[in-house]
Each structure stands twice: as structure tokens, then as C-alpha cells.
Amino acid sequence: MEKITPCLWCNDNAEEMVNFYKSIFPETEVLDVSHNDGKVLVMIFRLNGQEIMALNGGPIFPHSEAFSFYVACDTQERIDHYWNRLIADGGSPSRCGWLKDKFGLSWQIVPSMMGELLKNPRAMPVMFAMAKLDIAALRAA
């Protein structure tokens, strides 16, 4: 069976992006690097078990919210860790657990029990008012 690997189009900063993710997700490993004229062209890396290609294609195609990474966290501490690290150095928070990192890539940092929390109809309006999700506040709704 063919393997499907997402490809992230980068603005000539694939190596910086991969190193940034390695600093946040220590399980990340670089699997392969291809060069063109002495510069990194493609990096294949594994981010917490997911293989990804980063392609240095230039500024032609910026990232958008149409593609995001979804990180399910078991504790508020893990949500805080990923949220704070991913918005550092130029990232930006959004709403309902969404953020953009400094490369413009969208992430969803959510409790792993989100489905269970949202079974309570009072939790949805509470979530809509949040940027970073707060498990205790969602449970208290």
C-alpha cells in the first residue's frame, strides 16, 4: 500500500522549521535531506510518528488555516506546553484552541477528551470564548 506523506511548502526555511519542531517535540527526527546548489531543498522528518516532507519552494504558496496539525493532549500542562512553545517567537493565538506558529502553520491544541467535554451543551459557548483551551473551565461549564 502506498504511504501518504503531507508536504509543507516552506519559504526557504524548511531546516529552521524542522529544528523548531524538534525543540518542541523531542521525538522528532530527520529522516532525509536533499540539497540543490548546496542549499536544503527537501527535508523528510518524522514528527511524533507522522512522516512529513518540508520543501523549500519560496514565498509563492503561504500556509493557510485550510491545513492544520491537531495535537490531542491528556493534561492542561501539555496544552500549556505546546501552546506556549508554538506561539513563541512570532506565532499568534487564535480561537477555540487554534494558533499559528511563527512559520504561519496552523495548529489545534486540544484536550484529548474534547469530544466528551463538548457533550455538555454549556461547554460549547465557554470554548468559543477561549483562545487556549482550559480543561478545568470546560469541565466546570
C-alpha atoms as a PDB file:
ATOM      1  CA  MET A   1       0.000   0.000   0.000  1.00  0.00           C
ATOM      2  CA  GLU A   2       1.257   3.472  -0.852  1.00  0.00           C
ATOM      3  CA  LYS A   3       2.223   5.752   2.002  1.00  0.00           C
ATOM      4  CA  ILE A   4       0.693   9.243   2.130  1.00  0.00           C
ATOM      5  CA  THR A   5       3.012  11.955   3.419  1.00  0.00           C
ATOM      6  CA  PRO A   6       1.970  15.591   3.810  1.00  0.00           C
ATOM      7  CA  CYS A   7       4.290  18.116   2.163  1.00  0.00           C
ATOM      8  CA  LEU A   8       4.744  21.525   3.763  1.00  0.00           C
ATOM      9  CA  TRP A   9       5.716  24.222   1.274  1.00  0.00           C
ATOM     10  CA  CYS A  10       8.274  26.425   3.027  1.00  0.00           C
ATOM     11  CA  ASN A  11       9.554  29.900   2.286  1.00  0.00           C
ATOM     12  CA  ASP A  12      13.184  28.716   2.105  1.00  0.00           C
ATOM     13  CA  ASN A  13      13.168  27.959   5.848  1.00  0.00           C
ATOM     14  CA  ALA A  14      12.494  24.209   5.985  1.00  0.00           C
ATOM     15  CA  GLU A  15      15.564  23.494   8.090  1.00  0.00           C
ATOM     16  CA  GLU A  16      14.670  26.230  10.593  1.00  0.00           C
ATOM     17  CA  MET A  17      11.095  24.906  10.754  1.00  0.00           C
ATOM     18  CA  VAL A  18      12.169  21.319  11.358  1.00  0.00           C
ATOM     19  CA  ASN A  19      14.625  22.389  14.066  1.00  0.00           C
ATOM     20  CA  PHE A  20      11.894  24.474  15.724  1.00  0.00           C
ATOM     21  CA  TYR A  21       9.559  21.471  15.822  1.00  0.00           C
ATOM     22  CA  LYS A  22      12.387  19.258  17.123  1.00  0.00           C
ATOM     23  CA  SER A  23      12.793  21.681  20.044  1.00  0.00           C
ATOM     24  CA  ILE A  24       9.104  21.299  20.935  1.00  0.00           C
ATOM     25  CA  PHE A  25       8.515  17.639  20.083  1.00  0.00           C
ATOM     26  CA  PRO A  26      11.694  15.796  21.166  1.00  0.00           C
ATOM     27  CA  GLU A  27      10.599  12.607  19.397  1.00  0.00           C
ATOM     28  CA  THR A  28      11.046  14.381  16.056  1.00  0.00           C
ATOM     29  CA  GLU A  29      13.773  13.006  13.821  1.00  0.00           C
ATOM     30  CA  VAL A  30      15.164  13.979  10.438  1.00  0.00           C
ATOM     31  CA  LEU A  31      14.983  11.033   8.049  1.00  0.00           C
ATOM     32  CA  ASP A  32      16.466  12.503   4.868  1.00  0.00           C
ATOM     33  CA  VAL A  33      17.780  15.775   3.467  1.00  0.00           C
ATOM     34  CA  SER A  34      18.139  16.648  -0.227  1.00  0.00           C
ATOM     35  CA  HIS A  35      20.189  19.593  -1.451  1.00  0.00           C
ATOM     36  CA  ASN A  36      20.222  21.745  -4.566  1.00  0.00           C
ATOM     37  CA  ASP A  37      23.213  24.014  -5.236  1.00  0.00           C
ATOM     38  CA  GLY A  38      24.423  23.436  -1.674  1.00  0.00           C
ATOM     39  CA  LYS A  39      21.121  24.537  -0.101  1.00  0.00           C
ATOM     40  CA  VAL A  40      18.483  22.390   1.574  1.00  0.00           C
ATOM     41  CA  LEU A  41      15.718  21.644  -0.907  1.00  0.00           C
ATOM     42  CA  VAL A  42      13.724  18.907   0.855  1.00  0.00           C
ATOM     43  CA  MET A  43      13.715  17.531   4.376  1.00  0.00           C
ATOM     44  CA  ILE A  44      11.823  14.399   5.304  1.00  0.00           C
ATOM     45  CA  PHE A  45      11.167  14.217   9.038  1.00  0.00           C
ATOM     46  CA  ARG A  46       9.050  12.287  11.497  1.00  0.00           C
ATOM     47  CA  LEU A  47       7.066  14.468  13.903  1.00  0.00           C
ATOM     48  CA  ASN A  48       5.741  12.343  16.790  1.00  0.00           C
ATOM     49  CA  GLY A  49       5.367   9.380  14.454  1.00  0.00           C
ATOM     50  CA  GLN A  50       3.949  11.289  11.451  1.00  0.00           C
ATOM     51  CA  GLU A  51       6.240  11.451   8.432  1.00  0.00           C
ATOM     52  CA  ILE A  52       6.266  14.895   6.783  1.00  0.00           C
ATOM     53  CA  MET A  53       8.112  16.466   3.872  1.00  0.00           C
ATOM     54  CA  ALA A  54       9.281  20.087   4.088  1.00  0.00           C
ATOM     55  CA  LEU A  55      10.019  21.621   0.669  1.00  0.00           C
ATOM     56  CA  ASN A  56      11.898  24.888   0.257  1.00  0.00           C
ATOM     57  CA  GLY A  57       9.783  26.307  -2.555  1.00  0.00           C
ATOM     58  CA  GLY A  58       9.955  30.017  -1.792  1.00  0.00           C
ATOM     59  CA  PRO A  59       7.254  32.543  -0.907  1.00  0.00           C
ATOM     60  CA  ILE A  60       4.788  31.551  -3.650  1.00  0.00           C
ATOM     61  CA  PHE A  61       2.354  29.499  -1.523  1.00  0.00           C
ATOM     62  CA  PRO A  62       1.826  30.588   2.098  1.00  0.00           C
ATOM     63  CA  HIS A  63       0.266  28.292   4.683  1.00  0.00           C
ATOM     64  CA  SER A  64      -3.428  28.718   5.472  1.00  0.00           C
ATOM     65  CA  GLU A  65      -5.935  27.503   8.046  1.00  0.00           C
ATOM     66  CA  ALA A  66      -7.167  25.006   5.446  1.00  0.00           C
ATOM     67  CA  PHE A  67      -4.412  22.707   6.740  1.00  0.00           C
ATOM     68  CA  SER A  68      -3.558  22.291  10.402  1.00  0.00           C
ATOM     69  CA  PHE A  69      -1.923  19.890  12.787  1.00  0.00           C
ATOM     70  CA  TYR A  70      -4.165  18.579  15.574  1.00  0.00           C
ATOM     71  CA  VAL A  71      -2.488  17.761  18.896  1.00  0.00           C
ATOM     72  CA  ALA A  72      -4.642  15.951  21.464  1.00  0.00           C
ATOM     73  CA  CYS A  73      -3.286  16.487  24.988  1.00  0.00           C
ATOM     74  CA  ASP A  74      -4.161  14.492  28.112  1.00  0.00           C
ATOM     75  CA  THR A  75      -3.430  17.309  30.585  1.00  0.00           C
ATOM     76  CA  GLN A  76      -3.596  21.090  30.872  1.00  0.00           C
ATOM     77  CA  GLU A  77       0.159  21.056  31.412  1.00  0.00           C
ATOM     78  CA  ARG A  78       0.666  19.510  27.937  1.00  0.00           C
ATOM     79  CA  ILE A  79      -1.774  22.004  26.366  1.00  0.00           C
ATOM     80  CA  ASP A  80       0.122  24.868  28.001  1.00  0.00           C
ATOM     81  CA  HIS A  81       3.483  23.441  26.892  1.00  0.00           C
ATOM     82  CA  TYR A  82       2.587  23.078  23.212  1.00  0.00           C
ATOM     83  CA  TRP A  83       0.556  26.285  23.088  1.00  0.00           C
ATOM     84  CA  ASN A  84       3.267  28.446  24.633  1.00  0.00           C
ATOM     85  CA  ARG A  85       6.099  26.926  22.622  1.00  0.00           C
ATOM     86  CA  LEU A  86       4.272  27.067  19.280  1.00  0.00           C
ATOM     87  CA  ILE A  87       3.274  30.742  19.602  1.00  0.00           C
ATOM     88  CA  ALA A  88       6.752  31.763  20.801  1.00  0.00           C
ATOM     89  CA  ASP A  89       8.964  33.938  18.614  1.00  0.00           C
ATOM     90  CA  GLY A  90       6.249  35.329  16.364  1.00  0.00           C
ATOM     91  CA  GLY A  91       3.382  32.857  16.465  1.00  0.00           C
ATOM     92  CA  SER A  92      -0.139  34.030  17.216  1.00  0.00           C
ATOM     93  CA  PRO A  93      -3.091  32.681  19.172  1.00  0.00           C
ATOM     94  CA  SER A  94      -6.464  32.324  17.539  1.00  0.00           C
ATOM     95  CA  ARG A  95      -9.708  30.950  18.976  1.00  0.00           C
ATOM     96  CA  CYS A  96     -11.007  27.625  20.252  1.00  0.00           C
ATOM     97  CA  GLY A  97      -7.577  26.030  20.638  1.00  0.00           C
ATOM     98  CA  TRP A  98      -6.212  27.169  17.257  1.00  0.00           C
ATOM     99  CA  LEU A  99      -2.942  29.038  16.780  1.00  0.00           C
ATOM    100  CA  LYS A 100      -0.409  29.840  14.101  1.00  0.00           C
ATOM    101  CA  ASP A 101       3.267  29.214  14.677  1.00  0.00           C
ATOM    102  CA  LYS A 102       5.970  31.620  13.534  1.00  0.00           C
ATOM    103  CA  PHE A 103       6.002  29.935  10.115  1.00  0.00           C
ATOM    104  CA  GLY A 104       2.288  30.578   9.577  1.00  0.00           C
ATOM    105  CA  LEU A 105       1.336  26.919  10.039  1.00  0.00           C
ATOM    106  CA  SER A 106      -1.943  26.347  11.896  1.00  0.00           C
ATOM    107  CA  TRP A 107      -2.204  24.047  14.897  1.00  0.00           C
ATOM    108  CA  GLN A 108      -5.096  22.853  17.042  1.00  0.00           C
ATOM    109  CA  ILE A 109      -4.026  22.184  20.635  1.00  0.00           C
ATOM    110  CA  VAL A 110      -6.953  20.461  22.326  1.00  0.00           C
ATOM    111  CA  PRO A 111      -7.764  18.189  25.256  1.00  0.00           C
ATOM    112  CA  SER A 112      -7.819  14.534  24.252  1.00  0.00           C
ATOM    113  CA  MET A 113     -11.203  14.323  25.988  1.00  0.00           C
ATOM    114  CA  MET A 114     -12.650  17.173  23.884  1.00  0.00           C
ATOM    115  CA  GLY A 115     -15.469  15.056  22.486  1.00  0.00           C
ATOM    116  CA  GLU A 116     -16.570  14.115  25.988  1.00  0.00           C
ATOM    117  CA  LEU A 117     -16.320  17.721  27.240  1.00  0.00           C
ATOM    118  CA  LEU A 118     -18.454  19.020  24.368  1.00  0.00           C
ATOM    119  CA  LYS A 119     -21.279  16.574  25.138  1.00  0.00           C
ATOM    120  CA  ASN A 120     -22.233  19.161  27.746  1.00  0.00           C
ATOM    121  CA  PRO A 121     -24.103  21.847  25.719  1.00  0.00           C
ATOM    122  CA  ARG A 122     -22.878  24.551  28.133  1.00  0.00           C
ATOM    123  CA  ALA A 123     -19.238  23.811  27.224  1.00  0.00           C
ATOM    124  CA  MET A 124     -19.502  24.991  23.602  1.00  0.00           C
ATOM    125  CA  PRO A 125     -20.098  28.706  24.410  1.00  0.00           C
ATOM    126  CA  VAL A 126     -17.310  28.543  27.003  1.00  0.00           C
ATOM    127  CA  MET A 127     -14.956  27.119  24.363  1.00  0.00           C
ATOM    128  CA  PHE A 128     -15.949  29.814  21.836  1.00  0.00           C
ATOM    129  CA  ALA A 129     -14.783  32.478  24.302  1.00  0.00           C
ATOM    130  CA  MET A 130     -11.312  30.910  24.703  1.00  0.00           C
ATOM    131  CA  ALA A 131      -8.090  31.158  22.751  1.00  0.00           C
ATOM    132  CA  LYS A 132      -6.026  28.490  24.560  1.00  0.00           C
ATOM    133  CA  LEU A 133      -8.376  25.802  25.823  1.00  0.00           C
ATOM    134  CA  ASP A 134      -8.754  25.403  29.589  1.00  0.00           C
ATOM    135  CA  ILE A 135      -9.804  21.890  30.627  1.00  0.00           C
ATOM    136  CA  ALA A 136     -10.975  22.951  34.113  1.00  0.00           C
ATOM    137  CA  ALA A 137     -13.164  25.731  32.727  1.00  0.00           C
ATOM    138  CA  LEU A 138     -14.678  23.408  30.131  1.00  0.00           C
ATOM    139  CA  ARG A 139     -15.408  20.799  32.802  1.00  0.00           C
ATOM    140  CA  ALA A 140     -16.962  23.450  35.079  1.00  0.00           C
ATOM    141  CA  ALA A 141     -19.344  24.700  32.366  1.00  0.00           C
END
